[in-house]
Protein backbone atom coordinates (compact mmCIF):
# COMPACT_ATOMS: atom_id res chain seq x y z
CA MET A 1 9.41 80.93 3.78
CA PRO A 2 9.86 81.11 -0.02
CA ARG A 3 7.00 82.55 -2.05
CA ARG A 4 5.11 80.33 -4.44
CA PRO A 5 5.34 81.38 -8.09
CA PRO A 6 2.11 82.31 -9.90
CA PHE A 7 0.46 79.48 -11.80
CA TRP A 8 1.10 81.10 -15.17
CA LEU A 9 4.82 81.45 -14.36
CA THR A 10 5.06 77.79 -13.31
CA LEU A 11 3.35 76.71 -16.52
CA LEU A 12 5.62 78.98 -18.59
CA ILE A 13 8.91 77.66 -17.18
CA ILE A 14 7.70 74.06 -17.62
CA LEU A 15 6.91 74.76 -21.28
CA ILE A 16 10.37 76.32 -21.73
CA GLY A 17 12.01 73.31 -20.09
CA LEU A 18 10.28 70.65 -22.19
CA PRO A 19 12.30 71.15 -25.42
CA LEU A 20 15.50 70.87 -23.38
CA CYS A 21 14.75 67.20 -22.72
CA LEU A 22 14.77 66.25 -26.42
CA PRO A 23 18.54 65.59 -26.77
CA PHE A 24 18.54 63.28 -23.75
CA LEU A 25 15.49 61.40 -25.03
CA TYR A 26 17.05 61.11 -28.48
CA VAL A 27 20.29 59.56 -27.25
CA ILE A 28 18.46 57.15 -24.94
CA LEU A 29 16.01 56.14 -27.68
CA ARG A 30 18.64 55.60 -30.37
CA ALA A 31 21.07 53.85 -28.05
CA THR A 32 18.46 51.37 -26.77
CA GLU A 33 17.60 50.38 -30.35
CA VAL A 34 21.12 49.04 -30.85
CA GLY A 35 21.01 46.28 -28.26
CA LEU A 36 23.55 45.36 -25.60
CA THR A 37 25.66 42.97 -27.68
CA ARG A 38 25.97 45.31 -30.63
CA SER A 39 26.67 48.25 -28.30
CA VAL A 40 29.57 46.41 -26.69
CA GLU A 41 31.01 45.58 -30.14
CA LEU A 42 30.78 49.20 -31.29
CA LEU A 43 32.11 50.74 -28.09
CA PHE A 44 35.13 48.47 -27.78
CA ARG A 45 36.41 48.81 -31.32
CA PRO A 46 40.06 49.94 -31.74
CA ARG A 47 38.69 53.02 -33.50
CA MET A 48 36.85 54.02 -30.31
CA ALA A 49 40.06 53.98 -28.27
CA GLU A 50 41.75 56.20 -30.85
CA LEU A 51 38.89 58.71 -30.83
CA LEU A 52 38.80 58.76 -27.04
CA SER A 53 42.54 59.32 -26.84
CA ASN A 54 42.49 62.13 -29.42
CA THR A 55 39.52 63.86 -27.80
CA MET A 56 40.89 63.70 -24.24
CA LEU A 57 44.37 64.82 -25.29
CA LEU A 58 42.92 67.81 -27.14
CA MET A 59 40.73 68.76 -24.20
CA VAL A 60 43.43 68.41 -21.53
CA CYS A 61 46.27 70.07 -23.45
CA VAL A 62 44.25 73.03 -24.72
CA THR A 63 42.62 73.59 -21.32
CA ILE A 64 45.94 73.57 -19.48
CA GLY A 65 47.60 75.75 -22.10
CA ALA A 66 44.76 78.28 -22.32
CA ILE A 67 44.32 78.54 -18.53
CA SER A 68 48.06 78.99 -17.98
CA LEU A 69 48.44 81.56 -20.75
CA GLY A 70 45.28 83.49 -19.83
CA THR A 71 46.16 83.60 -16.12
CA LEU A 72 49.72 84.72 -16.83
CA CYS A 73 48.47 87.50 -19.12
CA ALA A 74 45.96 88.62 -16.49
CA PHE A 75 48.62 88.83 -13.75
CA LEU A 76 51.08 90.75 -15.94
CA LEU A 77 48.47 93.23 -17.14
CA GLU A 78 46.82 93.80 -13.76
CA ARG A 79 49.88 93.94 -11.53
CA CYS A 80 52.65 95.32 -13.72
CA ARG A 81 53.24 98.56 -15.58
CA PHE A 82 55.12 98.44 -18.87
CA PHE A 83 55.20 100.01 -22.31
CA GLY A 84 52.14 99.18 -24.42
CA LYS A 85 50.04 97.91 -21.49
CA ALA A 86 46.91 99.87 -22.46
CA PHE A 87 46.97 98.38 -25.96
CA PHE A 88 47.53 94.81 -24.81
CA GLU A 89 44.71 95.02 -22.23
CA VAL A 90 42.31 95.26 -25.16
CA ALA A 91 44.32 93.16 -27.62
CA MET A 92 44.31 90.07 -25.40
CA SER A 93 40.52 89.83 -25.70
CA LEU A 94 40.48 90.24 -29.48
CA PRO A 95 41.05 86.52 -30.34
CA LEU A 96 37.40 86.07 -29.36
CA CYS A 97 36.53 88.11 -32.45
CA ILE A 98 37.99 85.44 -34.71
CA PRO A 99 36.03 82.18 -34.82
CA ALA A 100 38.26 79.15 -34.25
CA PHE A 101 37.48 77.65 -37.66
CA VAL A 102 38.36 80.97 -39.34
CA SER A 103 41.68 81.09 -37.52
CA CYS A 104 42.35 77.49 -38.55
CA PHE A 105 41.72 78.10 -42.23
CA THR A 106 44.04 81.13 -42.24
CA TRP A 107 46.82 79.11 -40.64
CA ILE A 108 46.32 76.09 -42.88
CA SER A 109 46.44 78.32 -45.96
CA LEU A 110 50.08 79.17 -45.20
CA THR A 111 52.85 77.49 -47.16
CA PHE A 112 53.79 75.24 -44.25
CA ARG A 113 51.37 72.77 -42.74
CA VAL A 114 49.94 73.11 -39.22
CA GLU A 115 47.58 70.14 -39.36
CA GLY A 116 47.49 67.32 -36.84
CA PHE A 117 47.84 67.22 -33.08
CA TRP A 118 50.38 69.98 -32.39
CA GLY A 119 48.88 72.40 -34.88
CA THR A 120 45.43 71.88 -33.40
CA ILE A 121 46.70 72.33 -29.83
CA GLY A 122 48.55 75.54 -30.70
CA ILE A 123 45.77 77.21 -32.68
CA MET A 124 42.99 76.24 -30.27
CA THR A 125 45.03 77.45 -27.29
CA LEU A 126 45.54 80.84 -28.95
CA SER A 127 41.81 81.03 -29.72
CA SER A 128 40.68 79.98 -26.23
CA PHE A 129 42.99 81.74 -23.75
CA PRO A 130 40.82 84.95 -23.61
CA LEU A 131 38.12 82.81 -21.97
CA ALA A 132 40.52 82.52 -19.02
CA TYR A 133 42.11 85.96 -19.29
CA LEU A 134 38.85 87.93 -19.02
CA PRO A 135 37.37 86.37 -15.83
CA VAL A 136 40.74 86.08 -14.05
CA SER A 137 41.54 89.70 -14.92
CA ALA A 138 38.16 90.82 -13.59
CA THR A 139 38.74 88.87 -10.37
CA LEU A 140 42.22 90.30 -9.86
CA LYS A 141 40.77 93.82 -10.05
CA ARG A 142 38.60 93.05 -7.01
CA LEU A 143 41.12 91.13 -4.89
CA ASP A 144 42.02 92.54 -1.48
CA ARG A 145 45.74 92.53 -0.74
CA SER A 146 45.16 92.07 3.02
CA LEU A 147 45.36 88.28 2.78
CA GLU A 148 48.68 88.47 0.95
CA GLU A 149 50.08 90.95 3.44
CA VAL A 150 49.11 88.70 6.36
CA SER A 151 50.75 85.69 4.72
CA LEU A 152 53.96 87.58 3.93
CA SER A 153 54.07 89.12 7.42
CA LEU A 154 54.08 85.61 8.87
CA GLY A 155 57.28 84.85 6.95
CA LYS A 156 55.70 82.76 4.19
CA SER A 157 57.31 82.69 0.77
CA SER A 158 55.79 84.27 -2.33
CA THR A 159 55.03 80.81 -3.73
CA TYR A 160 53.27 79.73 -0.55
CA THR A 161 51.35 83.02 -0.48
CA PHE A 162 50.17 82.55 -4.05
CA TRP A 163 48.85 79.02 -3.54
CA HIS A 164 47.23 79.66 -0.14
CA ALA A 165 46.14 83.32 -0.26
CA ILE A 166 45.67 84.29 -3.91
CA PHE A 167 44.82 81.08 -5.77
CA PRO A 168 41.81 80.14 -3.56
CA GLN A 169 40.24 83.50 -4.43
CA LEU A 170 40.82 82.85 -8.13
CA LYS A 171 39.38 79.31 -8.07
CA PRO A 172 35.80 80.34 -9.03
CA ALA A 173 37.06 82.28 -12.07
CA ILE A 174 39.58 79.60 -13.06
CA GLY A 175 37.03 76.84 -12.47
CA SER A 176 34.49 78.52 -14.72
CA SER A 177 37.17 78.98 -17.38
CA ILE A 178 38.22 75.34 -17.13
CA LEU A 179 34.62 74.22 -17.55
CA LEU A 180 33.99 76.51 -20.50
CA ILE A 181 37.21 75.68 -22.36
CA ALA A 182 37.12 71.93 -21.63
CA LEU A 183 33.52 71.53 -22.78
CA HIS A 184 34.21 73.64 -25.84
CA MET A 185 37.20 71.50 -26.81
CA LEU A 186 35.25 68.33 -26.18
CA VAL A 187 32.48 69.30 -28.61
CA GLU A 188 34.50 71.41 -31.11
CA PHE A 189 33.81 70.43 -34.70
CA GLY A 190 34.67 73.06 -37.30
CA ALA A 191 38.26 73.77 -36.28
CA VAL A 192 39.30 70.14 -35.82
CA SER A 193 37.67 69.21 -39.12
CA ILE A 194 39.68 71.83 -41.00
CA LEU A 195 42.89 70.69 -39.29
CA ASN A 196 42.16 66.99 -40.04
CA TYR A 197 42.23 65.99 -36.38
CA GLN A 198 39.80 63.17 -35.63
CA THR A 199 37.69 63.44 -32.45
CA PHE A 200 34.31 62.19 -31.25
CA THR A 201 32.47 65.10 -32.87
CA THR A 202 34.05 64.58 -36.30
CA ALA A 203 33.28 60.86 -36.06
CA ILE A 204 29.65 61.56 -35.11
CA PHE A 205 29.29 63.92 -38.07
CA GLN A 206 30.84 61.34 -40.42
CA GLU A 207 28.47 58.65 -39.16
CA TYR A 208 25.54 61.01 -39.70
CA GLU A 209 26.67 61.85 -43.24
CA MET A 210 26.96 58.17 -44.15
CA SER A 211 23.56 57.27 -42.75
CA PHE A 212 21.29 59.17 -40.41
CA ASN A 213 19.91 55.87 -39.12
CA ASN A 214 23.37 54.73 -38.01
CA SER A 215 23.53 53.52 -34.41
CA SER A 216 27.19 54.46 -34.04
CA ALA A 217 26.33 58.17 -33.99
CA ALA A 218 24.00 57.71 -31.01
CA LEU A 219 26.52 55.60 -29.09
CA LEU A 220 29.32 58.09 -29.70
CA SER A 221 27.00 60.84 -28.54
CA ALA A 222 26.23 58.93 -25.34
CA VAL A 223 29.94 58.51 -24.60
CA LEU A 224 30.55 62.19 -25.21
CA MET A 225 27.65 63.16 -22.95
CA ALA A 226 29.04 60.96 -20.18
CA ILE A 227 32.46 62.64 -20.45
CA CYS A 228 30.85 66.08 -20.42
CA THR A 229 28.86 65.23 -17.28
CA ILE A 230 32.03 64.09 -15.49
CA ILE A 231 33.71 67.38 -16.37
CA VAL A 232 30.76 69.40 -15.04
CA PHE A 233 30.83 67.62 -11.67
CA GLY A 234 34.63 67.75 -11.61
CA GLU A 235 34.50 71.53 -11.92
CA ILE A 236 32.16 71.68 -8.92
CA LEU A 237 34.69 69.70 -6.84
CA PHE A 238 37.54 71.92 -8.05
CA ARG A 239 35.65 75.09 -7.12
CA GLY A 240 34.88 73.77 -3.64
CA LYS A 241 32.69 75.35 -1.02
CA GLN A 242 35.24 77.70 0.51
CA THR A 243 34.34 81.36 0.32
CA LEU A 244 36.92 84.09 0.88
CA TYR A 245 35.82 87.68 1.22
CA ASN A 246 36.69 90.89 3.02
CA SER A 247 34.80 90.93 6.32
CA GLY A 248 36.28 94.14 7.64
CA LYS A 249 34.94 97.66 7.36
CA GLY A 250 35.77 99.94 4.49
CA VAL A 251 36.50 99.30 0.86
CA THR A 252 38.78 96.67 -0.61
CA ARG A 253 42.35 97.85 -1.07
CA PRO A 254 43.61 97.05 -4.57
CA TYR A 255 47.01 95.56 -5.21
CA PRO A 256 49.66 98.19 -6.08
CA VAL A 257 50.83 98.13 -9.71
CA LYS A 258 54.56 97.47 -9.98
CA LYS A 259 56.65 99.23 -12.60
CA LEU A 260 59.01 96.80 -14.32
CA SER A 261 62.64 97.50 -15.07
CA PHE A 262 63.61 98.36 -18.65
CA GLY A 263 64.90 94.85 -19.37
CA LYS A 264 61.77 93.18 -17.98
CA GLN A 265 59.59 95.63 -19.90
CA CYS A 266 61.29 94.59 -23.13
CA VAL A 267 60.76 90.89 -22.36
CA THR A 268 57.11 91.47 -21.37
CA PHE A 269 56.45 93.59 -24.46
CA ALA A 270 58.00 90.92 -26.68
CA PHE A 271 55.90 88.23 -24.97
CA PHE A 272 52.61 90.04 -25.57
CA SER A 273 53.64 91.04 -29.08
CA CYS A 274 54.30 87.41 -29.93
CA ILE A 275 50.89 86.36 -28.63
CA PHE A 276 49.21 89.19 -30.53
CA MET A 277 50.95 88.33 -33.79
CA LEU A 278 50.15 84.61 -33.54
CA SER A 279 46.52 84.96 -32.42
CA ILE A 280 45.50 88.13 -34.32
CA GLY A 281 48.28 89.19 -36.69
CA VAL A 282 48.60 86.01 -38.73
CA PRO A 283 44.84 85.38 -39.19
CA VAL A 284 44.08 89.00 -40.12
CA ALA A 285 47.13 89.26 -42.40
CA MET A 286 46.17 86.05 -44.20
CA LEU A 287 42.58 87.23 -44.61
CA ILE A 288 43.81 90.46 -46.18
CA TYR A 289 46.27 88.53 -48.36
CA TRP A 290 43.62 86.17 -49.70
CA LEU A 291 41.21 89.04 -50.20
CA ILE A 292 43.75 90.88 -52.41
CA VAL A 293 45.11 87.82 -54.21
CA GLY A 294 41.68 86.27 -54.57
CA ASN A 295 40.20 89.29 -56.27
CA SER A 296 42.87 89.11 -58.96
CA ARG A 297 43.22 85.34 -59.40
CA GLU A 298 39.94 83.77 -58.38
CA ARG A 299 36.54 83.92 -59.97
CA ALA A 300 34.55 87.13 -59.69
CA PHE A 301 33.09 87.74 -56.26
CA ASP A 302 29.36 87.03 -56.10
CA PHE A 303 28.04 89.94 -54.06
CA SER A 304 24.44 88.70 -54.10
CA GLU A 305 25.50 85.36 -52.60
CA PHE A 306 27.58 87.15 -49.96
CA PHE A 307 24.75 89.52 -49.06
CA ALA A 308 22.30 86.61 -48.78
CA ALA A 309 24.68 84.73 -46.42
CA PHE A 310 25.18 87.86 -44.33
CA SER A 311 21.43 88.47 -44.14
CA HIS A 312 20.76 84.89 -43.10
CA SER A 313 23.43 85.02 -40.38
CA LEU A 314 22.21 88.36 -39.06
CA THR A 315 18.56 87.28 -39.08
CA ILE A 316 18.82 83.87 -37.44
CA SER A 317 21.48 85.02 -34.95
CA GLY A 318 19.39 88.01 -33.95
CA LEU A 319 16.19 85.96 -33.64
CA GLY A 320 18.05 83.20 -31.81
CA ALA A 321 19.56 85.65 -29.33
CA LEU A 322 16.17 87.33 -28.83
CA LEU A 323 14.38 84.02 -28.18
CA THR A 324 17.15 82.87 -25.84
CA VAL A 325 17.03 86.03 -23.72
CA ILE A 326 13.21 86.07 -23.61
CA CYS A 327 13.13 82.44 -22.43
CA ALA A 328 15.94 82.97 -19.92
CA LEU A 329 14.14 85.85 -18.19
CA PRO A 330 11.26 83.83 -16.63
CA LEU A 331 13.63 81.00 -15.68
CA VAL A 332 15.95 83.34 -13.81
CA TRP A 333 13.11 85.36 -12.27
CA ALA A 334 11.38 82.22 -10.97
CA ALA A 335 14.61 80.70 -9.59
CA VAL A 336 15.73 83.88 -7.81
CA ARG A 337 12.43 85.35 -6.57
CA TYR A 338 10.38 82.14 -6.17
CA SER A 339 13.02 79.59 -5.23
CA SER A 340 11.66 76.05 -4.92
CA LYS A 341 12.68 72.56 -5.99
CA LEU A 342 10.76 72.90 -9.26
CA THR A 343 12.04 76.35 -10.21
CA VAL A 344 15.63 75.56 -9.26
CA TRP A 345 15.58 72.22 -11.13
CA ILE A 346 14.22 73.77 -14.31
CA ASP A 347 16.70 76.63 -13.97
CA ARG A 348 19.56 74.12 -13.75
CA LEU A 349 18.36 71.93 -16.64
CA PRO A 350 19.89 74.18 -19.33
CA TYR A 351 23.25 73.98 -17.57
CA LEU A 352 23.09 70.19 -17.75
CA LEU A 353 22.19 70.49 -21.43
CA HIS A 354 25.24 72.71 -21.88
CA ALA A 355 27.30 69.54 -21.37
CA VAL A 356 25.69 68.05 -24.50
CA PRO A 357 27.53 68.66 -27.80
CA GLY A 358 25.81 70.92 -30.29
CA LEU A 359 26.04 68.09 -32.79
CA VAL A 360 23.87 65.89 -30.56
CA ILE A 361 21.32 68.67 -30.09
CA ALA A 362 21.15 69.15 -33.86
CA LEU A 363 20.75 65.40 -34.47
CA SER A 364 17.94 65.19 -31.91
CA LEU A 365 16.07 68.04 -33.59
CA VAL A 366 16.56 66.43 -37.01
CA TYR A 367 15.18 63.14 -35.70
CA PHE A 368 12.11 64.64 -34.00
CA THR A 369 11.24 67.02 -36.85
CA ILE A 370 11.48 64.22 -39.44
CA ASN A 371 9.27 61.88 -37.41
CA TYR A 372 6.87 64.25 -35.62
CA ALA A 373 7.04 67.71 -37.25
CA ASN A 374 8.01 67.20 -40.85
CA ALA A 375 6.50 70.55 -41.91
CA ILE A 376 9.27 72.50 -40.14
CA TYR A 377 12.16 70.17 -41.09
CA GLN A 378 15.15 72.15 -42.44
CA THR A 379 13.57 75.52 -41.73
CA PHE A 380 15.02 78.47 -39.86
CA LEU A 381 12.58 77.80 -37.02
CA VAL A 382 14.46 74.60 -36.12
CA VAL A 383 17.80 76.44 -36.28
CA ILE A 384 16.52 79.12 -33.92
CA VAL A 385 15.27 76.48 -31.47
CA ALA A 386 18.70 74.82 -31.58
CA TYR A 387 20.35 78.17 -30.83
CA PHE A 388 18.02 78.65 -27.88
CA MET A 389 18.92 75.21 -26.50
CA LEU A 390 22.65 75.71 -27.03
CA TYR A 391 23.10 79.14 -25.45
CA LEU A 392 20.33 79.46 -22.87
CA PRO A 393 22.80 78.98 -19.96
CA MET A 394 24.94 81.84 -21.26
CA ALA A 395 21.97 84.22 -21.10
CA GLN A 396 20.88 82.87 -17.70
CA THR A 397 24.28 83.54 -16.13
CA THR A 398 24.33 87.18 -17.23
CA LEU A 399 20.69 87.82 -16.32
CA ARG A 400 21.05 86.19 -12.90
CA ALA A 401 23.94 88.47 -12.04
CA ALA A 402 21.83 91.50 -13.02
CA LEU A 403 18.74 90.34 -11.08
CA GLU A 404 20.60 89.37 -7.90
CA GLN A 405 22.00 92.90 -7.68
CA LEU A 406 18.45 94.26 -7.41
CA SER A 407 16.81 94.40 -4.02
CA ASP A 408 13.42 92.72 -3.79
CA ASN A 409 12.13 95.55 -1.58
CA ILE A 410 10.73 97.43 -4.58
CA GLU A 411 8.80 94.32 -5.58
CA LYS A 412 7.42 93.97 -2.02
CA VAL A 413 6.26 97.60 -2.13
CA GLY A 414 4.47 96.89 -5.40
CA GLN A 415 2.78 93.83 -3.89
CA SER A 416 1.65 95.87 -0.88
CA LEU A 417 -0.08 98.22 -3.32
CA GLY A 418 -2.04 95.33 -4.80
CA ARG A 419 -0.12 95.04 -8.05
CA SER A 420 0.21 91.65 -9.76
CA PRO A 421 3.64 89.92 -10.01
CA PHE A 422 3.68 90.34 -13.79
CA TYR A 423 2.90 94.06 -13.57
CA ILE A 424 5.69 94.50 -11.00
CA PHE A 425 8.13 92.57 -13.18
CA ARG A 426 7.18 94.51 -16.32
CA THR A 427 7.25 98.00 -14.77
CA LEU A 428 9.94 97.72 -12.06
CA THR A 429 12.22 94.70 -12.43
CA LEU A 430 12.57 94.57 -16.21
CA PRO A 431 13.61 98.24 -16.70
CA ALA A 432 16.20 97.89 -13.92
CA MET A 433 17.66 94.82 -15.65
CA LEU A 434 18.05 96.43 -19.09
CA PRO A 435 21.89 96.68 -18.92
CA GLY A 436 22.09 92.97 -18.04
CA ILE A 437 19.59 92.10 -20.76
CA ALA A 438 21.65 94.01 -23.33
CA ALA A 439 24.83 92.27 -22.19
CA ALA A 440 23.14 88.86 -22.39
CA PHE A 441 21.86 89.58 -25.90
CA ALA A 442 25.32 90.74 -27.06
CA LEU A 443 27.04 87.68 -25.59
CA VAL A 444 24.58 85.21 -27.13
CA PHE A 445 24.58 87.03 -30.48
CA LEU A 446 28.40 86.88 -30.56
CA ASN A 447 28.39 83.11 -30.19
CA LEU A 448 25.51 82.54 -32.59
CA MET A 449 27.27 84.42 -35.38
CA LYS A 450 30.16 81.95 -35.03
CA GLU A 451 28.06 78.80 -34.46
CA LEU A 452 28.78 76.15 -37.10
CA THR A 453 27.77 72.60 -36.16
CA ALA A 454 24.03 73.01 -35.59
CA THR A 455 23.78 75.54 -38.42
CA LEU A 456 25.50 73.14 -40.81
CA LEU A 457 23.14 70.27 -40.01
CA LEU A 458 19.86 72.12 -39.69
CA THR A 459 19.84 74.76 -42.44
CA PRO A 460 18.53 73.84 -45.90
CA ASN A 461 21.21 72.75 -48.36
CA ASP A 462 20.65 75.70 -50.69
CA ILE A 463 20.94 78.33 -47.94
CA LYS A 464 24.27 79.62 -46.63
CA THR A 465 25.27 81.63 -43.60
CA LEU A 466 28.63 83.28 -43.04
CA SER A 467 29.93 80.38 -40.93
CA THR A 468 28.68 77.60 -43.26
CA ALA A 469 30.09 79.46 -46.29
CA VAL A 470 33.52 79.64 -44.67
CA TRP A 471 33.38 75.93 -43.81
CA GLU A 472 32.21 74.95 -47.31
CA TYR A 473 34.87 76.93 -49.17
CA THR A 474 37.73 75.97 -46.86
CA SER A 475 36.76 72.29 -47.14
CA ASP A 476 37.49 72.64 -50.87
CA ALA A 477 40.66 74.71 -50.20
CA GLN A 478 39.02 77.78 -51.78
CA TYR A 479 40.60 80.20 -49.31
CA ALA A 480 40.09 83.34 -51.38
CA ALA A 481 36.38 82.60 -51.79
CA ALA A 482 36.02 82.09 -48.02
CA THR A 483 37.83 85.32 -47.06
CA PRO A 484 34.96 87.89 -47.47
CA TYR A 485 32.69 85.73 -45.31
CA ALA A 486 35.41 85.29 -42.69
CA LEU A 487 36.17 89.02 -42.58
CA MET A 488 32.50 89.85 -42.03
CA LEU A 489 32.36 87.27 -39.22
CA VAL A 490 35.37 88.89 -37.56
CA LEU A 491 33.88 92.37 -37.92
CA PHE A 492 30.50 91.52 -36.43
CA SER A 493 32.06 89.41 -33.68
CA GLY A 494 34.29 92.31 -32.72
CA ILE A 495 31.41 94.65 -31.85
CA PRO A 496 30.01 92.51 -28.98
CA VAL A 497 33.53 91.67 -27.77
CA PHE A 498 34.35 95.38 -27.51
CA LEU A 499 31.14 96.10 -25.60
CA LEU A 500 31.63 93.17 -23.24
CA LYS A 501 35.26 94.12 -22.56
CA LYS A 502 34.30 97.75 -21.95
CA TYR A 503 31.28 97.21 -19.73
CA ALA A 504 31.06 93.60 -18.48
CA PHE A 505 34.69 92.99 -17.52
CA LYS A 506 35.75 96.48 -16.51
């Protein structure tokens, strides 16, 4: 029989869950103000069909491309031995260090144009494939070759063995990657804006810029939320309920690494070199180029402005990550140790909110602060709350994995000694979860440093962060002026990526 959570813990998780309902209430409220007739007119405009087509094509093409490329890289690096393998194992995760909108501005600053559909697909695929490479690579490290050996011993082909013995074990990792990449493409704003590719998010932002009280923004948000919800449930169906694991005694036998012939090594090395140059080489080279050329041809660099933007980014990202992790801890603890309908529902609410575009979350906070909390409108407090709402699921996932690895026996011993649940959590559970807490903080901080949409809408007009400065300068084609901010973003994004690659996906 599941234990009942303490009253204070129940009250705490309810208070944490209340702000998460604001985006849903905002869309419902704004959409109902339009009226049925007007809604039908707005939703069935030719412009709507064009936006829907552009958004779905971007999502499908980038997801398929990134999943295919990431999975192929994972298989080659985990199951083959070739020259330069150690370098490429790290290099294939480095595109995460470069925010998508930074990569886009470096590409668009070249002499030839990469705007439009194909340019957007190519650049976003190169920026997103590590989201598939990392989890698939981690899964391949733990796969048992027994299933493959049984399939091959029965005379099945390599293709049949892959689809029926290997692929089902990879489905959870691939499914999570599909969900993450698809949702990200569906709500991406900064990169597609720089590349002049019109989607639902760019249209919502344009409607908001023209008039905050515009009903079209709410209706577009509702459509986008509906698409996101379909994707979330589709990923559940793709993942399925089948569980494959090693039920025998002993440890899992890893797959033997195959040494490639000289010719195949050359082809493989060229393949990874090409990916590295396109995803890392070109953006970094262009940043260095604009940094050198800009210092000699552009106006003098304003160090005070740069330092202020860096300080703002560091402060609000750090506070946002701290708030997110602190709020995720009681949600995960209640759901795992005191499982009930209430605790599980509140624990799942942030995941449902994860299907809501950041632009919609920002608009909902703007609406409610203007009407009900005007004193905090356009303050850093609202930005930090938006960060908490956007990336709470990311912290929950990491913390849950850390907590579920801890036996509850130590907590039962503490209870038998008459200690309170909070004392047990503070003195026993929390110290044991410190590695997971650090990983969650690093992961959330990495994404907050690169966050653009909510930051752009919610920060005061006279205050810049690194991401908003890059977006502002690139919008005016001032590439040299944007370069120092972009380089600092890459540098501070690289630190968490290195730590996550070294410890979380080893």
